[in-house]
Amino acid sequence: MARTMTSDARKKDTREKIELGGLIVKAGMRYEKRALLLGALIDAARRIKDDEGERTRLTAIGAEAFGNDDQ
């Protein structure tokens, strides 16, 4: 039973990583260096930590991009 739970957890983790990688592609950053991607994510995390306005602004940009999926 423990082996099944471990396997399920690994599958869930793998799926999550694949989905997160898809966000990089969707953002048009597929060919950027990993260091740049990580730097951009760290910067964004710092900016949204204490700035609700920035969090809202970035959320709106992302929601609009997801909304364009149908087109």
Protein backbone atom coordinates (compact mmCIF):
# COMPACT_ATOMS: atom_id res chain seq x y z
CA MET A 1 0.00 0.00 0.00
CA ALA A 2 2.84 2.39 0.80
CA ARG A 3 4.35 1.68 -2.61
CA THR A 4 1.06 2.65 -4.31
CA MET A 5 0.85 5.90 -2.37
CA THR A 6 4.44 6.72 -3.26
CA SER A 7 3.79 5.94 -6.92
CA ASP A 8 0.64 8.08 -6.93
CA ALA A 9 2.48 10.96 -5.26
CA ARG A 10 5.29 10.71 -7.84
CA LYS A 11 2.79 10.72 -10.71
CA LYS A 12 1.04 13.76 -9.25
CA ASP A 13 4.37 15.56 -8.81
CA THR A 14 5.41 14.73 -12.37
CA ARG A 15 2.10 15.97 -13.78
CA GLU A 16 2.41 19.23 -11.84
CA LYS A 17 5.93 19.80 -13.21
CA ILE A 18 4.75 19.16 -16.76
CA GLU A 19 1.92 21.66 -16.31
CA LEU A 20 4.31 24.27 -14.90
CA GLY A 21 6.63 23.75 -17.87
CA GLY A 22 3.64 24.34 -20.13
CA LEU A 23 3.22 27.76 -18.55
CA ILE A 24 6.75 28.69 -19.63
CA VAL A 25 5.90 27.67 -23.19
CA LYS A 26 2.58 29.54 -23.10
CA ALA A 27 4.39 32.67 -21.93
CA GLY A 28 6.58 32.50 -25.03
CA MET A 29 9.74 31.82 -23.05
CA ARG A 30 10.52 28.29 -24.24
CA TYR A 31 13.99 29.18 -25.51
CA GLU A 32 15.13 31.42 -22.67
CA LYS A 33 17.97 30.31 -20.43
CA ARG A 34 16.96 28.56 -17.23
CA ALA A 35 18.79 31.16 -15.13
CA LEU A 36 16.71 33.93 -16.70
CA LEU A 37 13.48 32.02 -16.10
CA LEU A 38 14.34 31.36 -12.49
CA GLY A 39 15.41 34.97 -11.98
CA ALA A 40 12.15 36.24 -13.45
CA LEU A 41 10.13 33.93 -11.20
CA ILE A 42 12.08 34.91 -8.09
CA ASP A 43 11.65 38.59 -8.94
CA ALA A 44 7.91 38.14 -9.47
CA ALA A 45 7.58 36.22 -6.20
CA ARG A 46 9.30 39.05 -4.31
CA ARG A 47 7.18 41.73 -5.99
CA ILE A 48 3.85 40.04 -5.28
CA LYS A 49 4.73 39.11 -1.70
CA ASP A 50 3.87 42.52 -0.27
CA ASP A 51 2.11 44.20 -3.19
CA GLU A 52 -1.49 43.18 -3.70
CA GLY A 53 -1.80 45.55 -6.65
CA GLU A 54 1.05 43.81 -8.47
CA ARG A 55 -0.47 40.42 -7.67
CA THR A 56 -3.79 41.57 -9.11
CA ARG A 57 -2.14 43.03 -12.22
CA LEU A 58 -0.19 39.85 -12.97
CA THR A 59 -3.23 37.67 -12.28
CA ALA A 60 -5.23 39.68 -14.80
CA ILE A 61 -2.52 39.24 -17.44
CA GLY A 62 -2.48 35.48 -16.83
CA ALA A 63 -6.26 35.18 -16.83
CA GLU A 64 -6.41 37.03 -20.16
CA ALA A 65 -3.80 34.65 -21.63
CA PHE A 66 -5.79 31.63 -20.49
CA GLY A 67 -8.94 33.23 -21.88
CA ASN A 68 -7.29 33.40 -25.28
CA ASP A 69 -6.91 29.60 -25.35
CA ASP A 70 -10.16 29.22 -27.27
CA GLN A 71 -8.97 31.41 -30.13
